């Protein structure tokens, strides 16, 4: 059960550092806000699809989220608008996914060149 708590705490940390509230994350993941609250408390688990979508939104890998990295260096984003729409979050997620893929390709190249 500790692993579930740890993942929930990491998601909460990423969400807060990104300036999002539970309702915004819930809308992006297409779940109820109370479900996000329970996940952050370790009472429930997100599906693998929702975890992958969360990782893309915050610009971190699933292994960083699940393997115990308490200080995940996620990709930061900032808005000047008063509110963030679901379309905004989807665009952020898509851009972060590209950045994560680029990071992984660079790591593979370094390994191949070694």
N, C-alpha and C. Protein backbone atom coordinates (compact mmCIF):
# COMPACT_ATOMS: atom_id res chain seq x y z
N UNK A 1 0.82 -1.20 0.00
CA UNK A 1 0.00 0.00 0.00
C UNK A 1 0.86 1.27 0.00
N UNK A 2 2.10 1.14 0.51
CA UNK A 2 2.98 2.30 0.56
C UNK A 2 3.27 2.84 -0.84
N UNK A 3 3.43 1.95 -1.82
CA UNK A 3 3.70 2.38 -3.19
C UNK A 3 2.57 3.24 -3.74
N UNK A 4 1.34 2.86 -3.44
CA UNK A 4 0.18 3.65 -3.89
C UNK A 4 0.21 5.02 -3.25
N UNK A 5 0.51 5.07 -1.95
CA UNK A 5 0.62 6.36 -1.26
C UNK A 5 1.71 7.21 -1.86
N UNK A 6 2.86 6.58 -2.17
CA UNK A 6 3.98 7.32 -2.73
C UNK A 6 3.62 7.92 -4.09
N UNK A 7 3.00 7.13 -4.94
CA UNK A 7 2.59 7.64 -6.27
C UNK A 7 1.58 8.77 -6.10
N UNK A 8 0.62 8.58 -5.20
CA UNK A 8 -0.37 9.62 -4.95
C UNK A 8 0.28 10.91 -4.46
N UNK A 9 1.25 10.78 -3.56
CA UNK A 9 1.96 11.97 -3.07
C UNK A 9 2.74 12.65 -4.18
N UNK A 10 3.36 11.85 -5.05
CA UNK A 10 4.12 12.44 -6.16
C UNK A 10 3.20 13.16 -7.13
N UNK A 11 2.04 12.56 -7.41
CA UNK A 11 1.08 13.22 -8.30
C UNK A 11 0.62 14.54 -7.68
N UNK A 12 0.32 14.52 -6.40
CA UNK A 12 -0.10 15.75 -5.71
C UNK A 12 0.99 16.80 -5.79
N UNK A 13 2.22 16.39 -5.55
CA UNK A 13 3.36 17.31 -5.60
C UNK A 13 3.49 17.92 -7.00
N UNK A 14 3.44 17.08 -8.03
CA UNK A 14 3.54 17.58 -9.41
C UNK A 14 2.39 18.52 -9.75
N UNK A 15 1.18 18.13 -9.33
CA UNK A 15 0.00 18.95 -9.62
C UNK A 15 0.13 20.32 -8.97
N UNK A 16 0.52 20.34 -7.71
CA UNK A 16 0.65 21.62 -6.99
C UNK A 16 1.79 22.46 -7.55
N UNK A 17 2.93 21.84 -7.87
CA UNK A 17 4.05 22.58 -8.45
C UNK A 17 3.70 23.15 -9.82
N UNK A 18 2.76 22.53 -10.49
CA UNK A 18 2.33 23.01 -11.80
C UNK A 18 1.21 24.04 -11.71
N UNK A 19 0.69 24.26 -10.52
CA UNK A 19 -0.36 25.25 -10.33
C UNK A 19 -1.74 24.77 -10.74
N UNK A 20 -1.93 23.47 -10.76
CA UNK A 20 -3.24 22.92 -11.12
C UNK A 20 -3.98 22.50 -9.86
N UNK A 21 -5.30 22.53 -9.94
CA UNK A 21 -6.09 22.01 -8.83
C UNK A 21 -6.60 20.61 -9.20
N UNK A 22 -7.18 19.94 -8.24
CA UNK A 22 -7.66 18.58 -8.47
C UNK A 22 -8.74 18.53 -9.55
N UNK A 23 -9.60 19.53 -9.59
CA UNK A 23 -10.67 19.54 -10.58
C UNK A 23 -10.11 19.63 -12.00
N UNK A 24 -9.06 20.42 -12.19
CA UNK A 24 -8.46 20.55 -13.52
C UNK A 24 -7.82 19.23 -13.96
N UNK A 25 -7.09 18.59 -13.04
CA UNK A 25 -6.48 17.31 -13.37
C UNK A 25 -7.56 16.26 -13.64
N UNK A 26 -8.60 16.27 -12.83
CA UNK A 26 -9.70 15.32 -13.02
C UNK A 26 -10.37 15.50 -14.38
N UNK A 27 -10.61 16.73 -14.77
CA UNK A 27 -11.24 16.99 -16.07
C UNK A 27 -10.33 16.51 -17.20
N UNK A 28 -9.03 16.74 -17.07
CA UNK A 28 -8.08 16.31 -18.08
C UNK A 28 -8.07 14.78 -18.20
N UNK A 29 -8.14 14.10 -17.06
CA UNK A 29 -8.10 12.64 -17.06
C UNK A 29 -9.48 12.01 -17.25
N UNK A 30 -10.50 12.85 -17.29
CA UNK A 30 -11.88 12.40 -17.47
C UNK A 30 -12.32 11.47 -16.32
N UNK A 31 -12.01 11.93 -15.09
CA UNK A 31 -12.45 11.24 -13.88
C UNK A 31 -13.06 12.28 -12.95
N UNK A 32 -13.67 11.83 -11.89
CA UNK A 32 -14.27 12.73 -10.90
C UNK A 32 -13.18 13.32 -10.01
N UNK A 33 -13.38 14.55 -9.57
CA UNK A 33 -12.40 15.22 -8.70
C UNK A 33 -12.18 14.44 -7.42
N UNK A 34 -13.22 13.83 -6.87
CA UNK A 34 -13.06 13.06 -5.63
C UNK A 34 -12.15 11.85 -5.85
N UNK A 35 -12.13 11.34 -7.07
CA UNK A 35 -11.25 10.21 -7.39
C UNK A 35 -9.79 10.65 -7.33
N UNK A 36 -9.51 11.85 -7.84
CA UNK A 36 -8.14 12.40 -7.75
C UNK A 36 -7.75 12.56 -6.29
N UNK A 37 -8.66 13.07 -5.49
CA UNK A 37 -8.39 13.23 -4.06
C UNK A 37 -8.05 11.90 -3.41
N UNK A 38 -8.82 10.87 -3.73
CA UNK A 38 -8.57 9.54 -3.16
C UNK A 38 -7.26 8.96 -3.66
N UNK A 39 -6.92 9.21 -4.91
CA UNK A 39 -5.64 8.73 -5.45
C UNK A 39 -4.47 9.41 -4.75
N UNK A 40 -4.59 10.71 -4.54
CA UNK A 40 -3.51 11.44 -3.87
C UNK A 40 -3.34 10.99 -2.42
N UNK A 41 -4.41 10.53 -1.80
CA UNK A 41 -4.35 10.03 -0.43
C UNK A 41 -3.94 8.57 -0.35
N UNK A 42 -3.82 7.91 -1.52
CA UNK A 42 -3.45 6.50 -1.55
C UNK A 42 -4.62 5.56 -1.34
N UNK A 43 -5.84 6.07 -1.42
CA UNK A 43 -7.02 5.24 -1.22
C UNK A 43 -7.48 4.56 -2.51
N UNK A 44 -7.08 5.07 -3.63
CA UNK A 44 -7.43 4.52 -4.95
C UNK A 44 -6.20 4.59 -5.84
N UNK A 45 -6.27 3.90 -6.98
CA UNK A 45 -5.19 3.92 -7.95
C UNK A 45 -5.71 4.43 -9.29
N UNK A 46 -4.88 5.16 -9.99
CA UNK A 46 -5.21 5.54 -11.35
C UNK A 46 -4.91 4.36 -12.26
N UNK A 47 -5.65 4.25 -13.34
CA UNK A 47 -5.36 3.21 -14.33
C UNK A 47 -4.02 3.51 -14.99
N UNK A 48 -3.46 2.53 -15.65
CA UNK A 48 -2.18 2.72 -16.35
C UNK A 48 -2.33 3.81 -17.41
N UNK A 49 -3.46 3.82 -18.12
CA UNK A 49 -3.69 4.86 -19.12
C UNK A 49 -3.70 6.24 -18.49
N UNK A 50 -4.38 6.37 -17.34
CA UNK A 50 -4.44 7.67 -16.66
C UNK A 50 -3.07 8.06 -16.13
N UNK A 51 -2.30 7.08 -15.65
CA UNK A 51 -0.94 7.38 -15.18
C UNK A 51 -0.06 7.87 -16.33
N UNK A 52 -0.16 7.22 -17.48
CA UNK A 52 0.63 7.64 -18.64
C UNK A 52 0.22 9.04 -19.09
N UNK A 53 -1.08 9.31 -19.07
CA UNK A 53 -1.57 10.64 -19.45
C UNK A 53 -1.08 11.69 -18.45
N UNK A 54 -1.06 11.33 -17.18
CA UNK A 54 -0.57 12.23 -16.13
C UNK A 54 0.91 12.52 -16.34
N UNK A 55 1.67 11.48 -16.66
CA UNK A 55 3.10 11.66 -16.90
C UNK A 55 3.35 12.59 -18.09
N UNK A 56 2.58 12.43 -19.15
CA UNK A 56 2.74 13.32 -20.30
C UNK A 56 2.41 14.76 -19.92
N UNK A 57 1.37 14.93 -19.14
CA UNK A 57 1.00 16.29 -18.72
C UNK A 57 2.12 16.94 -17.93
N UNK A 58 2.74 16.19 -17.03
CA UNK A 58 3.76 16.77 -16.16
C UNK A 58 5.17 16.60 -16.71
N UNK A 59 5.31 15.94 -17.84
CA UNK A 59 6.62 15.82 -18.47
C UNK A 59 7.59 14.94 -17.71
N UNK A 60 7.08 13.86 -17.15
CA UNK A 60 7.95 12.90 -16.46
C UNK A 60 7.64 11.51 -16.99
N UNK A 61 8.52 10.57 -16.69
CA UNK A 61 8.29 9.21 -17.15
C UNK A 61 7.50 8.43 -16.10
N UNK A 62 6.91 7.35 -16.55
CA UNK A 62 6.16 6.49 -15.64
C UNK A 62 7.10 5.88 -14.59
N UNK A 63 8.31 5.55 -15.01
CA UNK A 63 9.26 4.98 -14.03
C UNK A 63 9.66 6.03 -12.99
N UNK A 64 9.81 7.29 -13.39
CA UNK A 64 10.11 8.34 -12.41
C UNK A 64 8.97 8.48 -11.40
N UNK A 65 7.76 8.37 -11.89
CA UNK A 65 6.60 8.50 -11.02
C UNK A 65 6.44 7.30 -10.09
N UNK A 66 6.72 6.12 -10.60
CA UNK A 66 6.44 4.91 -9.82
C UNK A 66 7.63 4.37 -9.04
N UNK A 67 8.85 4.68 -9.45
CA UNK A 67 10.02 4.04 -8.85
C UNK A 67 10.64 4.77 -7.68
N UNK A 68 9.98 5.77 -7.17
CA UNK A 68 10.47 6.39 -5.95
C UNK A 68 11.27 7.65 -6.10
N UNK A 69 11.16 8.33 -7.22
CA UNK A 69 11.83 9.61 -7.35
C UNK A 69 10.95 10.68 -6.71
N UNK A 70 11.32 11.08 -5.49
CA UNK A 70 10.49 12.05 -4.77
C UNK A 70 10.63 13.45 -5.33
N UNK A 71 11.76 13.75 -5.93
CA UNK A 71 11.97 15.09 -6.49
C UNK A 71 12.06 14.97 -8.01
N UNK A 72 10.93 14.71 -8.62
CA UNK A 72 10.87 14.52 -10.07
C UNK A 72 11.10 15.87 -10.74
N UNK A 73 12.04 15.90 -11.67
CA UNK A 73 12.28 17.14 -12.42
C UNK A 73 11.36 17.12 -13.63
N UNK A 74 10.17 17.63 -13.44
CA UNK A 74 9.20 17.63 -14.53
C UNK A 74 9.35 18.89 -15.36
N UNK A 75 8.76 18.86 -16.53
CA UNK A 75 8.78 20.03 -17.40
C UNK A 75 7.80 21.06 -16.85
N UNK A 76 8.26 22.27 -16.72
CA UNK A 76 7.44 23.35 -16.16
C UNK A 76 6.69 24.08 -17.27
N UNK A 77 5.52 24.59 -16.94
CA UNK A 77 4.80 25.43 -17.87
C UNK A 77 4.17 26.58 -17.11
N UNK A 78 3.97 27.67 -17.80
CA UNK A 78 3.39 28.85 -17.17
C UNK A 78 2.41 29.51 -18.14
N UNK A 79 1.33 30.03 -17.59
CA UNK A 79 0.33 30.71 -18.39
C UNK A 79 0.08 32.10 -17.85
N UNK A 80 -0.29 32.97 -18.73
CA UNK A 80 -0.69 34.31 -18.32
C UNK A 80 -2.20 34.42 -18.19
N UNK A 81 -2.89 33.44 -18.73
CA UNK A 81 -4.35 33.45 -18.68
C UNK A 81 -4.83 33.14 -17.26
N UNK A 82 -6.03 33.60 -16.97
CA UNK A 82 -6.59 33.39 -15.64
C UNK A 82 -7.00 31.94 -15.42
N UNK A 83 -7.30 31.22 -16.48
CA UNK A 83 -7.71 29.83 -16.33
C UNK A 83 -7.08 28.97 -17.41
N UNK A 84 -7.00 27.70 -17.12
CA UNK A 84 -6.42 26.75 -18.06
C UNK A 84 -7.54 25.81 -18.50
N UNK A 85 -7.73 25.71 -19.79
CA UNK A 85 -8.79 24.83 -20.30
C UNK A 85 -8.25 23.42 -20.53
N UNK A 86 -9.15 22.51 -20.75
CA UNK A 86 -8.77 21.13 -21.07
C UNK A 86 -7.96 21.09 -22.36
N UNK A 87 -8.31 21.94 -23.32
CA UNK A 87 -7.55 22.01 -24.57
C UNK A 87 -6.12 22.47 -24.31
N UNK A 88 -5.95 23.42 -23.39
CA UNK A 88 -4.61 23.87 -23.00
C UNK A 88 -3.80 22.71 -22.41
N UNK A 89 -4.44 21.96 -21.51
CA UNK A 89 -3.76 20.84 -20.88
C UNK A 89 -3.41 19.75 -21.90
N UNK A 90 -4.29 19.53 -22.86
CA UNK A 90 -4.00 18.56 -23.92
C UNK A 90 -2.81 18.99 -24.76
N UNK A 91 -2.75 20.27 -25.07
CA UNK A 91 -1.62 20.79 -25.84
C UNK A 91 -0.31 20.66 -25.05
N UNK A 92 -0.36 20.97 -23.77
CA UNK A 92 0.82 20.82 -22.91
C UNK A 92 1.26 19.36 -22.88
N UNK A 93 0.30 18.47 -22.73
CA UNK A 93 0.60 17.04 -22.70
C UNK A 93 1.27 16.58 -24.00
N UNK A 94 0.74 17.03 -25.13
CA UNK A 94 1.32 16.65 -26.43
C UNK A 94 2.75 17.17 -26.58
N UNK A 95 2.98 18.39 -26.18
CA UNK A 95 4.32 18.97 -26.28
C UNK A 95 5.29 18.24 -25.34
N UNK A 96 4.83 17.96 -24.12
CA UNK A 96 5.68 17.24 -23.18
C UNK A 96 6.00 15.83 -23.67
N UNK A 97 5.04 15.20 -24.32
CA UNK A 97 5.27 13.86 -24.86
C UNK A 97 6.37 13.89 -25.92
N UNK A 98 6.36 14.91 -26.76
CA UNK A 98 7.42 15.07 -27.75
C UNK A 98 8.76 15.28 -27.06
N UNK A 99 8.78 16.13 -26.03
CA UNK A 99 10.02 16.40 -25.30
C UNK A 99 10.53 15.14 -24.61
N UNK A 100 9.64 14.35 -24.04
CA UNK A 100 10.05 13.11 -23.38
C UNK A 100 10.61 12.11 -24.40
N UNK A 101 9.97 12.02 -25.56
CA UNK A 101 10.48 11.13 -26.61
C UNK A 101 11.86 11.56 -27.07
N UNK A 102 12.07 12.86 -27.21
CA UNK A 102 13.38 13.38 -27.60
C UNK A 102 14.43 13.04 -26.54
N UNK A 103 14.08 13.20 -25.30
CA UNK A 103 14.99 12.87 -24.19
C UNK A 103 15.37 11.39 -24.24
N UNK A 104 14.39 10.52 -24.47
CA UNK A 104 14.66 9.09 -24.54
C UNK A 104 15.53 8.74 -25.75
N UNK A 105 15.29 9.39 -26.88
CA UNK A 105 16.11 9.14 -28.07
C UNK A 105 17.56 9.56 -27.82
N UNK A 106 17.76 10.68 -27.16
CA UNK A 106 19.12 11.14 -26.84
C UNK A 106 19.82 10.15 -25.90
N UNK A 107 19.09 9.62 -24.94
CA UNK A 107 19.67 8.62 -24.04
C UNK A 107 20.06 7.37 -24.81
N UNK A 108 19.22 6.93 -25.72
CA UNK A 108 19.54 5.76 -26.54
C UNK A 108 20.76 6.00 -27.42
N UNK A 109 20.89 7.19 -27.95
CA UNK A 109 22.05 7.53 -28.77
C UNK A 109 23.34 7.50 -27.95
N UNK A 110 23.27 8.02 -26.73
CA UNK A 110 24.45 8.01 -25.86
C UNK A 110 24.87 6.58 -25.54
N UNK A 111 23.90 5.71 -25.29
CA UNK A 111 24.19 4.31 -25.00
C UNK A 111 24.79 3.64 -26.24
N UNK A 112 24.23 3.92 -27.40
CA UNK A 112 24.72 3.31 -28.65
C UNK A 112 26.13 3.78 -28.98
N UNK A 113 26.46 5.01 -28.62
CA UNK A 113 27.78 5.55 -28.93
C UNK A 113 28.84 5.12 -27.93
N UNK A 114 28.41 4.57 -26.81
CA UNK A 114 29.37 4.14 -25.77
C UNK A 114 30.04 2.85 -26.13
